[in-house]
PDB file of N, CA and C in Angstrom:
ATOM      1  N   MET A   1      -9.348 -12.229  -5.460  1.00  0.00           N
ATOM      2  CA  MET A   1     -10.124 -12.375  -4.254  1.00  0.00           C
ATOM      3  C   MET A   1     -10.395 -11.002  -3.667  1.00  0.00           C
ATOM      4  N   MET A   2     -11.306 -10.946  -2.730  1.00  0.00           N
ATOM      5  CA  MET A   2     -11.613  -9.707  -2.035  1.00  0.00           C
ATOM      6  C   MET A   2     -11.479  -9.993  -0.546  1.00  0.00           C
ATOM      7  N   ALA A   3     -10.823  -9.097   0.158  1.00  0.00           N
ATOM      8  CA  ALA A   3     -10.659  -9.273   1.600  1.00  0.00           C
ATOM      9  C   ALA A   3     -10.485  -7.916   2.258  1.00  0.00           C
ATOM     10  N   TRP A   4     -10.540  -7.896   3.568  1.00  0.00           N
ATOM     11  CA  TRP A   4     -10.418  -6.674   4.357  1.00  0.00           C
ATOM     12  C   TRP A   4      -9.011  -6.548   4.916  1.00  0.00           C
ATOM     13  N   MET A   5      -8.614  -5.317   5.153  1.00  0.00           N
ATOM     14  CA  MET A   5      -7.360  -5.016   5.846  1.00  0.00           C
ATOM     15  C   MET A   5      -7.663  -3.993   6.921  1.00  0.00           C
ATOM     16  N   ASN A   6      -6.987  -4.130   8.042  1.00  0.00           N
ATOM     17  CA  ASN A   6      -6.986  -3.051   9.019  1.00  0.00           C
ATOM     18  C   ASN A   6      -5.568  -2.486   9.047  1.00  0.00           C
ATOM     19  N   GLN A   7      -5.292  -1.550   9.939  1.00  0.00           N
ATOM     20  CA  GLN A   7      -3.970  -0.923   9.951  1.00  0.00           C
ATOM     21  C   GLN A   7      -2.864  -1.933  10.260  1.00  0.00           C
ATOM     22  N   ASP A   8      -3.122  -2.862  11.188  1.00  0.00           N
ATOM     23  CA  ASP A   8      -2.105  -3.866  11.513  1.00  0.00           C
ATOM     24  C   ASP A   8      -1.795  -4.759  10.314  1.00  0.00           C
ATOM     25  N   ALA A   9      -2.826  -5.169   9.569  1.00  0.00           N
ATOM     26  CA  ALA A   9      -2.622  -6.006   8.374  1.00  0.00           C
ATOM     27  C   ALA A   9      -1.847  -5.229   7.309  1.00  0.00           C
ATOM     28  N   TRP A  10      -2.196  -3.968   7.142  1.00  0.00           N
ATOM     29  CA  TRP A  10      -1.508  -3.104   6.182  1.00  0.00           C
ATOM     30  C   TRP A  10      -0.026  -2.989   6.522  1.00  0.00           C
ATOM     31  N   LEU A  11       0.268  -2.691   7.781  1.00  0.00           N
ATOM     32  CA  LEU A  11       1.654  -2.511   8.197  1.00  0.00           C
ATOM     33  C   LEU A  11       2.455  -3.807   8.074  1.00  0.00           C
ATOM     34  N   GLU A  12       1.839  -4.930   8.428  1.00  0.00           N
ATOM     35  CA  GLU A  12       2.537  -6.216   8.276  1.00  0.00           C
ATOM     36  C   GLU A  12       2.812  -6.525   6.810  1.00  0.00           C
ATOM     37  N   THR A  13       1.853  -6.235   5.949  1.00  0.00           N
ATOM     38  CA  THR A  13       2.038  -6.450   4.512  1.00  0.00           C
ATOM     39  C   THR A  13       3.222  -5.634   4.007  1.00  0.00           C
ATOM     40  N   LEU A  14       3.290  -4.376   4.400  1.00  0.00           N
ATOM     41  CA  LEU A  14       4.394  -3.518   3.974  1.00  0.00           C
ATOM     42  C   LEU A  14       5.729  -3.991   4.544  1.00  0.00           C
ATOM     43  N   ARG A  15       5.718  -4.436   5.789  1.00  0.00           N
ATOM     44  CA  ARG A  15       6.956  -4.843   6.458  1.00  0.00           C
ATOM     45  C   ARG A  15       7.516  -6.151   5.898  1.00  0.00           C
ATOM     46  N   THR A  16       6.610  -7.118   5.608  1.00  0.00           N
ATOM     47  CA  THR A  16       7.065  -8.456   5.214  1.00  0.00           C
ATOM     48  C   THR A  16       7.075  -8.697   3.707  1.00  0.00           C
ATOM     49  N   GLY A  17       6.261  -7.933   2.961  1.00  0.00           N
ATOM     50  CA  GLY A  17       6.124  -8.201   1.533  1.00  0.00           C
ATOM     51  C   GLY A  17       5.213  -9.371   1.231  1.00  0.00           C
ATOM     52  N   ARG A  18       4.626  -9.948   2.264  1.00  0.00           N
ATOM     53  CA  ARG A  18       3.624 -11.009   2.106  1.00  0.00           C
ATOM     54  C   ARG A  18       2.295 -10.451   2.572  1.00  0.00           C
ATOM     55  N   VAL A  19       1.248 -10.696   1.792  1.00  0.00           N
ATOM     56  CA  VAL A  19      -0.027 -10.044   2.062  1.00  0.00           C
ATOM     57  C   VAL A  19      -0.701 -10.640   3.297  1.00  0.00           C
ATOM     58  N   CYS A  20      -1.146  -9.742   4.148  1.00  0.00           N
ATOM     59  CA  CYS A  20      -1.850 -10.073   5.385  1.00  0.00           C
ATOM     60  C   CYS A  20      -3.193  -9.341   5.349  1.00  0.00           C
ATOM     61  N   TYR A  21      -4.248 -10.013   5.759  1.00  0.00           N
ATOM     62  CA  TYR A  21      -5.581  -9.418   5.780  1.00  0.00           C
ATOM     63  C   TYR A  21      -6.113  -9.421   7.202  1.00  0.00           C
ATOM     64  N   TYR A  22      -7.299  -8.853   7.378  1.00  0.00           N
ATOM     65  CA  TYR A  22      -7.979  -8.904   8.663  1.00  0.00           C
ATOM     66  C   TYR A  22      -9.247  -9.716   8.482  1.00  0.00           C
ATOM     67  N   SER A  23      -9.387 -10.782   9.259  1.00  0.00           N
ATOM     68  CA  SER A  23     -10.588 -11.619   9.221  1.00  0.00           C
ATOM     69  C   SER A  23     -11.631 -11.021  10.154  1.00  0.00           C
ATOM     70  N   ARG A  24     -12.685 -10.504   9.582  1.00  0.00           N
ATOM     71  CA  ARG A  24     -13.751  -9.914  10.403  1.00  0.00           C
ATOM     72  C   ARG A  24     -14.504 -10.980  11.174  1.00  0.00           C
ATOM     73  N   SER A  25     -14.640 -12.180  10.612  1.00  0.00           N
ATOM     74  CA  SER A  25     -15.363 -13.242  11.312  1.00  0.00           C
ATOM     75  C   SER A  25     -14.562 -13.788  12.495  1.00  0.00           C
ATOM     76  N   ARG A  26     -13.245 -13.906  12.327  1.00  0.00           N
ATOM     77  CA  ARG A  26     -12.389 -14.413  13.408  1.00  0.00           C
ATOM     78  C   ARG A  26     -11.835 -13.296  14.292  1.00  0.00           C
ATOM     79  N   LYS A  27     -12.002 -12.061  13.827  1.00  0.00           N
ATOM     80  CA  LYS A  27     -11.520 -10.877  14.555  1.00  0.00           C
ATOM     81  C   LYS A  27     -10.020 -10.974  14.860  1.00  0.00           C
ATOM     82  N   LYS A  28      -9.259 -11.328  13.813  1.00  0.00           N
ATOM     83  CA  LYS A  28      -7.806 -11.399  13.964  1.00  0.00           C
ATOM     84  C   LYS A  28      -7.137 -11.286  12.604  1.00  0.00           C
ATOM     85  N   LEU A  29      -5.830 -11.060  12.609  1.00  0.00           N
ATOM     86  CA  LEU A  29      -5.086 -11.007  11.361  1.00  0.00           C
ATOM     87  C   LEU A  29      -5.127 -12.359  10.683  1.00  0.00           C
ATOM     88  N   TRP A  30      -5.206 -12.320   9.364  1.00  0.00           N
ATOM     89  CA  TRP A  30      -5.238 -13.527   8.550  1.00  0.00           C
ATOM     90  C   TRP A  30      -4.066 -13.437   7.597  1.00  0.00           C
ATOM     91  N   ARG A  31      -3.064 -14.219   7.883  1.00  0.00           N
ATOM     92  CA  ARG A  31      -1.873 -14.258   7.035  1.00  0.00           C
ATOM     93  C   ARG A  31      -2.142 -15.232   5.903  1.00  0.00           C
ATOM     94  N   LYS A  32      -2.408 -14.688   4.733  1.00  0.00           N
ATOM     95  CA  LYS A  32      -2.794 -15.496   3.586  1.00  0.00           C
ATOM     96  C   LYS A  32      -1.796 -16.628   3.393  1.00  0.00           C
ATOM     97  N   GLY A  33      -2.317 -17.850   3.375  1.00  0.00           N
ATOM     98  CA  GLY A  33      -1.482 -19.028   3.159  1.00  0.00           C
ATOM     99  C   GLY A  33      -0.994 -19.690   4.430  1.00  0.00           C
ATOM    100  N   GLU A  34      -1.405 -19.198   5.609  1.00  0.00           N
ATOM    101  CA  GLU A  34      -0.900 -19.777   6.854  1.00  0.00           C
ATOM    102  C   GLU A  34      -1.337 -21.228   7.027  1.00  0.00           C
ATOM    103  N   GLU A  35      -2.452 -21.624   6.460  1.00  0.00           N
ATOM    104  CA  GLU A  35      -2.882 -23.026   6.506  1.00  0.00           C
ATOM    105  C   GLU A  35      -2.559 -23.757   5.209  1.00  0.00           C
ATOM    106  N   SER A  36      -2.793 -23.104   4.090  1.00  0.00           N
ATOM    107  CA  SER A  36      -2.680 -23.772   2.786  1.00  0.00           C
ATOM    108  C   SER A  36      -1.276 -23.718   2.191  1.00  0.00           C
ATOM    109  N   GLY A  37      -0.486 -22.747   2.612  1.00  0.00           N
ATOM    110  CA  GLY A  37       0.815 -22.535   1.978  1.00  0.00           C
ATOM    111  C   GLY A  37       0.732 -21.681   0.729  1.00  0.00           C
ATOM    112  N   ASN A  38      -0.479 -21.285   0.334  1.00  0.00           N
ATOM    113  CA  ASN A  38      -0.698 -20.480  -0.868  1.00  0.00           C
ATOM    114  C   ASN A  38      -0.581 -18.999  -0.526  1.00  0.00           C
ATOM    115  N   VAL A  39       0.632 -18.566  -0.262  1.00  0.00           N
ATOM    116  CA  VAL A  39       0.869 -17.195   0.155  1.00  0.00           C
ATOM    117  C   VAL A  39       0.863 -16.247  -1.038  1.00  0.00           C
ATOM    118  N   GLN A  40       0.707 -14.966  -0.732  1.00  0.00           N
ATOM    119  CA  GLN A  40       0.711 -13.931  -1.756  1.00  0.00           C
ATOM    120  C   GLN A  40       1.873 -12.985  -1.501  1.00  0.00           C
ATOM    121  N   GLU A  41       2.793 -12.928  -2.453  1.00  0.00           N
ATOM    122  CA  GLU A  41       3.897 -11.973  -2.385  1.00  0.00           C
ATOM    123  C   GLU A  41       3.450 -10.679  -3.042  1.00  0.00           C
ATOM    124  N   LEU A  42       3.610  -9.585  -2.335  1.00  0.00           N
ATOM    125  CA  LEU A  42       3.178  -8.279  -2.818  1.00  0.00           C
ATOM    126  C   LEU A  42       4.052  -7.812  -3.978  1.00  0.00           C
ATOM    127  N   LYS A  43       3.409  -7.409  -5.082  1.00  0.00           N
ATOM    128  CA  LYS A  43       4.123  -6.886  -6.250  1.00  0.00           C
ATOM    129  C   LYS A  43       3.850  -5.404  -6.474  1.00  0.00           C
ATOM    130  N   ALA A  44       2.607  -4.963  -6.272  1.00  0.00           N
ATOM    131  CA  ALA A  44       2.255  -3.560  -6.506  1.00  0.00           C
ATOM    132  C   ALA A  44       0.990  -3.223  -5.720  1.00  0.00           C
ATOM    133  N   ILE A  45       0.856  -1.929  -5.394  1.00  0.00           N
ATOM    134  CA  ILE A  45      -0.308  -1.440  -4.658  1.00  0.00           C
ATOM    135  C   ILE A  45      -0.910  -0.267  -5.433  1.00  0.00           C
ATOM    136  N   TYR A  46      -2.216  -0.320  -5.648  1.00  0.00           N
ATOM    137  CA  TYR A  46      -2.959   0.763  -6.292  1.00  0.00           C
ATOM    138  C   TYR A  46      -4.109   1.145  -5.370  1.00  0.00           C
ATOM    139  N   PHE A  47      -4.606   2.369  -5.511  1.00  0.00           N
ATOM    140  CA  PHE A  47      -5.825   2.733  -4.799  1.00  0.00           C
ATOM    141  C   PHE A  47      -6.757   3.486  -5.746  1.00  0.00           C
ATOM    142  N   ASP A  48      -8.050   3.456  -5.413  1.00  0.00           N
ATOM    143  CA  ASP A  48      -9.064   4.028  -6.293  1.00  0.00           C
ATOM    144  C   ASP A  48      -9.175   5.538  -6.128  1.00  0.00           C
ATOM    145  N   CYS A  49     -10.032   6.143  -6.947  1.00  0.00           N
ATOM    146  CA  CYS A  49     -10.173   7.604  -6.995  1.00  0.00           C
ATOM    147  C   CYS A  49     -10.719   8.185  -5.699  1.00  0.00           C
ATOM    148  N   ASP A  50     -11.446   7.401  -4.902  1.00  0.00           N
ATOM    149  CA  ASP A  50     -11.954   7.870  -3.613  1.00  0.00           C
ATOM    150  C   ASP A  50     -10.974   7.610  -2.479  1.00  0.00           C
ATOM    151  N   ALA A  51      -9.896   6.921  -2.792  1.00  0.00           N
ATOM    152  CA  ALA A  51      -8.878   6.547  -1.807  1.00  0.00           C
ATOM    153  C   ALA A  51      -9.466   5.732  -0.656  1.00  0.00           C
ATOM    154  N   ASP A  52     -10.436   4.854  -0.993  1.00  0.00           N
ATOM    155  CA  ASP A  52     -11.015   4.006   0.042  1.00  0.00           C
ATOM    156  C   ASP A  52     -10.953   2.512  -0.294  1.00  0.00           C
ATOM    157  N   THR A  53     -10.285   2.167  -1.400  1.00  0.00           N
ATOM    158  CA  THR A  53     -10.146   0.774  -1.799  1.00  0.00           C
ATOM    159  C   THR A  53      -8.742   0.557  -2.349  1.00  0.00           C
ATOM    160  N   LEU A  54      -8.145  -0.553  -1.932  1.00  0.00           N
ATOM    161  CA  LEU A  54      -6.831  -0.930  -2.449  1.00  0.00           C
ATOM    162  C   LEU A  54      -6.962  -2.067  -3.437  1.00  0.00           C
ATOM    163  N   LEU A  55      -6.094  -2.075  -4.425  1.00  0.00           N
ATOM    164  CA  LEU A  55      -5.932  -3.205  -5.331  1.00  0.00           C
ATOM    165  C   LEU A  55      -4.489  -3.647  -5.176  1.00  0.00           C
ATOM    166  N   LEU A  56      -4.298  -4.876  -4.749  1.00  0.00           N
ATOM    167  CA  LEU A  56      -2.953  -5.415  -4.603  1.00  0.00           C
ATOM    168  C   LEU A  56      -2.676  -6.366  -5.748  1.00  0.00           C
ATOM    169  N   LYS A  57      -1.582  -6.176  -6.412  1.00  0.00           N
ATOM    170  CA  LYS A  57      -1.120  -7.143  -7.402  1.00  0.00           C
ATOM    171  C   LYS A  57      -0.119  -8.021  -6.675  1.00  0.00           C
ATOM    172  N   VAL A  58      -0.300  -9.318  -6.826  1.00  0.00           N
ATOM    173  CA  VAL A  58       0.496 -10.273  -6.057  1.00  0.00           C
ATOM    174  C   VAL A  58       1.050 -11.367  -6.953  1.00  0.00           C
ATOM    175  N   HIS A  59       2.075 -12.022  -6.444  1.00  0.00           N
ATOM    176  CA  HIS A  59       2.537 -13.288  -7.018  1.00  0.00           C
ATOM    177  C   HIS A  59       1.913 -14.357  -6.145  1.00  0.00           C
ATOM    178  N   GLN A  60       0.998 -15.141  -6.726  1.00  0.00           N
ATOM    179  CA  GLN A  60       0.265 -16.144  -5.971  1.00  0.00           C
ATOM    180  C   GLN A  60       1.071 -17.435  -5.943  1.00  0.00           C
ATOM    181  N   ILE A  61       1.651 -17.750  -4.810  1.00  0.00           N
ATOM    182  CA  ILE A  61       2.420 -18.987  -4.652  1.00  0.00           C
ATOM    183  C   ILE A  61       1.450 -20.120  -4.352  1.00  0.00           C
ATOM    184  N   GLY A  62       1.612 -21.230  -5.044  1.00  0.00           N
ATOM    185  CA  GLY A  62       0.727 -22.370  -4.852  1.00  0.00           C
ATOM    186  C   GLY A  62      -0.375 -22.442  -5.887  1.00  0.00           C
ATOM    187  N   GLY A  63      -0.542 -21.373  -6.665  1.00  0.00           N
ATOM    188  CA  GLY A  63      -1.471 -21.412  -7.783  1.00  0.00           C
ATOM    189  C   GLY A  63      -2.925 -21.129  -7.475  1.00  0.00           C
ATOM    190  N   ALA A  64      -3.302 -20.986  -6.196  1.00  0.00           N
ATOM    191  CA  ALA A  64      -4.710 -20.764  -5.879  1.00  0.00           C
ATOM    192  C   ALA A  64      -4.863 -19.734  -4.768  1.00  0.00           C
ATOM    193  N   ALA A  65      -5.755 -18.784  -4.980  1.00  0.00           N
ATOM    194  CA  ALA A  65      -6.081 -17.806  -3.943  1.00  0.00           C
ATOM    195  C   ALA A  65      -7.307 -18.246  -3.145  1.00  0.00           C
ATOM    196  N   CYS A  66      -8.148 -19.052  -3.739  1.00  0.00           N
ATOM    197  CA  CYS A  66      -9.442 -19.416  -3.160  1.00  0.00           C
ATOM    198  C   CYS A  66      -9.331 -20.612  -2.213  1.00  0.00           C
ATOM    199  N   HIS A  67     -10.010 -20.523  -1.063  1.00  0.00           N
ATOM    200  CA  HIS A  67      -9.993 -21.634  -0.108  1.00  0.00           C
ATOM    201  C   HIS A  67     -10.769 -22.848  -0.620  1.00  0.00           C
ATOM    202  N   GLU A  68     -11.506 -22.679  -1.720  1.00  0.00           N
ATOM    203  CA  GLU A  68     -12.202 -23.818  -2.324  1.00  0.00           C
ATOM    204  C   GLU A  68     -11.335 -24.507  -3.374  1.00  0.00           C
ATOM    205  N   GLY A  69     -10.101 -24.048  -3.518  1.00  0.00           N
ATOM    206  CA  GLY A  69      -9.149 -24.731  -4.393  1.00  0.00           C
ATOM    207  C   GLY A  69      -9.020 -24.171  -5.790  1.00  0.00           C
ATOM    208  N   PHE A  70      -9.743 -23.101  -6.097  1.00  0.00           N
ATOM    209  CA  PHE A  70      -9.671 -22.500  -7.423  1.00  0.00           C
ATOM    210  C   PHE A  70      -8.627 -21.385  -7.442  1.00  0.00           C
ATOM    211  N   ARG A  71      -8.116 -21.093  -8.623  1.00  0.00           N
ATOM    212  CA  ARG A  71      -7.115 -20.036  -8.783  1.00  0.00           C
ATOM    213  C   ARG A  71      -7.661 -18.697  -8.282  1.00  0.00           C
ATOM    214  N   SER A  72      -8.929 -18.415  -8.598  1.00  0.00           N
ATOM    215  CA  SER A  72      -9.601 -17.184  -8.214  1.00  0.00           C
ATOM    216  C   SER A  72     -10.818 -17.510  -7.362  1.00  0.00           C
ATOM    217  N   CYS A  73     -11.184 -16.612  -6.474  1.00  0.00           N
ATOM    218  CA  CYS A  73     -12.418 -16.772  -5.699  1.00  0.00           C
ATOM    219  C   CYS A  73     -13.661 -16.525  -6.565  1.00  0.00           C
ATOM    220  N   PHE A  74     -13.473 -15.944  -7.739  1.00  0.00           N
ATOM    221  CA  PHE A  74     -14.586 -15.620  -8.633  1.00  0.00           C
ATOM    222  C   PHE A  74     -14.658 -16.649  -9.750  1.00  0.00           C
ATOM    223  N   PHE A  75     -15.048 -17.882  -9.393  1.00  0.00           N
ATOM    224  CA  PHE A  75     -15.104 -18.974 -10.365  1.00  0.00           C
ATOM    225  C   PHE A  75     -16.533 -19.359 -10.739  1.00  0.00           C
ATOM    226  N   ARG A  76     -17.518 -18.741 -10.101  1.00  0.00           N
ATOM    227  CA  ARG A  76     -18.923 -19.013 -10.433  1.00  0.00           C
ATOM    228  C   ARG A  76     -19.449 -17.881 -11.314  1.00  0.00           C
ATOM    229  N   LYS A  77     -20.006 -18.251 -12.455  1.00  0.00           N
ATOM    230  CA  LYS A  77     -20.528 -17.264 -13.400  1.00  0.00           C
ATOM    231  C   LYS A  77     -22.053 -17.345 -13.425  1.00  0.00           C
ATOM    232  N   ILE A  78     -22.718 -16.199 -13.255  1.00  0.00           N
ATOM    233  CA  ILE A  78     -24.184 -16.132 -13.349  1.00  0.00           C
ATOM    234  C   ILE A  78     -24.550 -15.680 -14.754  1.00  0.00           C
ATOM    235  N   HIS A  79     -25.433 -16.425 -15.383  1.00  0.00           N
ATOM    236  CA  HIS A  79     -25.902 -16.084 -16.720  1.00  0.00           C
ATOM    237  C   HIS A  79     -27.174 -15.247 -16.578  1.00  0.00           C
ATOM    238  N   PRO A  80     -27.158 -13.995 -17.042  1.00  0.00           N
ATOM    239  CA  PRO A  80     -28.261 -13.076 -16.780  1.00  0.00           C
ATOM    240  C   PRO A  80     -29.612 -13.490 -17.365  1.00  0.00           C
ATOM    241  N   ARG A  81     -29.609 -14.242 -18.442  1.00  0.00           N
ATOM    242  CA  ARG A  81     -30.870 -14.601 -19.085  1.00  0.00           C
ATOM    243  C   ARG A  81     -31.730 -15.494 -18.205  1.00  0.00           C
ATOM    244  N   ASP A  82     -31.117 -16.515 -17.583  1.00  0.00           N
ATOM    245  CA  ASP A  82     -31.909 -17.458 -16.780  1.00  0.00           C
ATOM    246  C   ASP A  82     -31.389 -17.608 -15.349  1.00  0.00           C
ATOM    247  N   LEU A  83     -30.375 -16.833 -14.996  1.00  0.00           N
ATOM    248  CA  LEU A  83     -29.756 -16.848 -13.670  1.00  0.00           C
ATOM    249  C   LEU A  83     -29.129 -18.200 -13.307  1.00  0.00           C
ATOM    250  N   SER A  84     -28.859 -19.004 -14.326  1.00  0.00           N
ATOM    251  CA  SER A  84     -28.150 -20.255 -14.058  1.00  0.00           C
ATOM    252  C   SER A  84     -26.692 -19.935 -13.725  1.00  0.00           C
ATOM    253  N   VAL A  85     -26.063 -20.865 -13.055  1.00  0.00           N
ATOM    254  CA  VAL A  85     -24.682 -20.671 -12.614  1.00  0.00           C
ATOM    255  C   VAL A  85     -23.814 -21.780 -13.176  1.00  0.00           C
ATOM    256  N   THR A  86     -22.658 -21.404 -13.693  1.00  0.00           N
ATOM    257  CA  THR A  86     -21.685 -22.389 -14.138  1.00  0.00           C
ATOM    258  C   THR A  86     -20.360 -22.124 -13.424  1.00  0.00           C
ATOM    259  N   ILE A  87     -19.560 -23.168 -13.346  1.00  0.00           N
ATOM    260  CA  ILE A  87     -18.233 -23.084 -12.738  1.00  0.00           C
ATOM    261  C   ILE A  87     -17.222 -22.913 -13.867  1.00  0.00           C
ATOM    262  N   GLU A  88     -16.352 -21.934 -13.718  1.00  0.00           N
ATOM    263  CA  GLU A  88     -15.307 -21.714 -14.711  1.00  0.00           C
ATOM    264  C   GLU A  88     -13.960 -22.008 -14.088  1.00  0.00           C
ATOM    265  N   GLY A  89     -13.140 -22.749 -14.794  1.00  0.00           N
ATOM    266  CA  GLY A  89     -11.821 -23.105 -14.304  1.00  0.00           C
ATOM    267  C   GLY A  89     -11.826 -24.450 -13.611  1.00  0.00           C
ATOM    268  N   GLN A  90     -10.646 -24.882 -13.268  1.00  0.00           N
ATOM    269  CA  GLN A  90     -10.453 -26.164 -12.612  1.00  0.00           C
ATOM    270  C   GLN A  90      -9.879 -25.940 -11.215  1.00  0.00           C
ATOM    271  N   ARG A  91     -10.191 -26.863 -10.313  1.00  0.00           N
ATOM    272  CA  ARG A  91      -9.584 -26.798  -8.978  1.00  0.00           C
ATOM    273  C   ARG A  91      -8.087 -27.055  -9.087  1.00  0.00           C
ATOM    274  N   VAL A  92      -7.322 -26.263  -8.373  1.00  0.00           N
ATOM    275  CA  VAL A  92      -5.873 -26.409  -8.329  1.00  0.00           C
ATOM    276  C   VAL A  92      -5.489 -27.380  -7.214  1.00  0.00           C
ATOM    277  N   PHE A  93      -6.299 -27.391  -6.137  1.00  0.00           N
ATOM    278  CA  PHE A  93      -6.057 -28.325  -5.042  1.00  0.00           C
ATOM    279  C   PHE A  93      -7.379 -28.751  -4.425  1.00  0.00           C
ATOM    280  N   ASP A  94      -7.345 -29.854  -3.679  1.00  0.00           N
ATOM    281  CA  ASP A  94      -8.509 -30.381  -2.981  1.00  0.00           C
ATOM    282  C   ASP A  94      -8.559 -29.750  -1.587  1.00  0.00           C
ATOM    283  N   PRO A  95      -9.580 -28.952  -1.288  1.00  0.00           N
ATOM    284  CA  PRO A  95      -9.642 -28.275  -0.001  1.00  0.00           C
ATOM    285  C   PRO A  95      -9.640 -29.244   1.188  1.00  0.00           C
ATOM    286  N   ALA A  96     -10.268 -30.404   1.052  1.00  0.00           N
ATOM    287  CA  ALA A  96     -10.291 -31.371   2.147  1.00  0.00           C
ATOM    288  C   ALA A  96      -8.892 -31.877   2.465  1.00  0.00           C
ATOM    289  N   ALA A  97      -8.071 -32.034   1.445  1.00  0.00           N
ATOM    290  CA  ALA A  97      -6.696 -32.498   1.657  1.00  0.00           C
ATOM    291  C   ALA A  97      -5.842 -31.416   2.297  1.00  0.00           C
ATOM    292  N   VAL A  98      -6.108 -30.155   1.966  1.00  0.00           N
ATOM    293  CA  VAL A  98      -5.313 -29.047   2.482  1.00  0.00           C
ATOM    294  C   VAL A  98      -5.759 -28.613   3.871  1.00  0.00           C
ATOM    295  N   TYR A  99      -7.072 -28.493   4.065  1.00  0.00           N
ATOM    296  CA  TYR A  99      -7.594 -27.967   5.318  1.00  0.00           C
ATOM    297  C   TYR A  99      -8.121 -29.034   6.270  1.00  0.00           C
ATOM    298  N   GLY A 100      -8.266 -30.257   5.757  1.00  0.00           N
ATOM    299  CA  GLY A 100      -8.740 -31.342   6.605  1.00  0.00           C
ATOM    300  C   GLY A 100     -10.179 -31.214   7.038  1.00  0.00           C
ATOM    301  N   LYS A 101     -10.985 -30.539   6.245  1.00  0.00           N
ATOM    302  CA  LYS A 101     -12.402 -30.340   6.604  1.00  0.00           C
ATOM    303  C   LYS A 101     -13.294 -31.207   5.756  1.00  0.00           C
TER     304      LYS A 101
END
């Protein structure tokens, strides 16, 4: 998945060992798994050559990082020849059952 962090999210992640992000739409910290239970335990931290992007390796508890119920948020594949889209992978959970939406 891809998400944003601010300094507070970064510090909480380091302090707790559970990944915390910053929700730009809600303008608040987003503790991954606070609704779904699918938390991310921090395993390793890498940064890119420009030192402006982090890559976090995590242990994904609950089997899914995506709020749509898939293991990964990148489950839609675009085929360059005709721009058709296919879904790859299976849902790990039903989002309506987890989030009640």
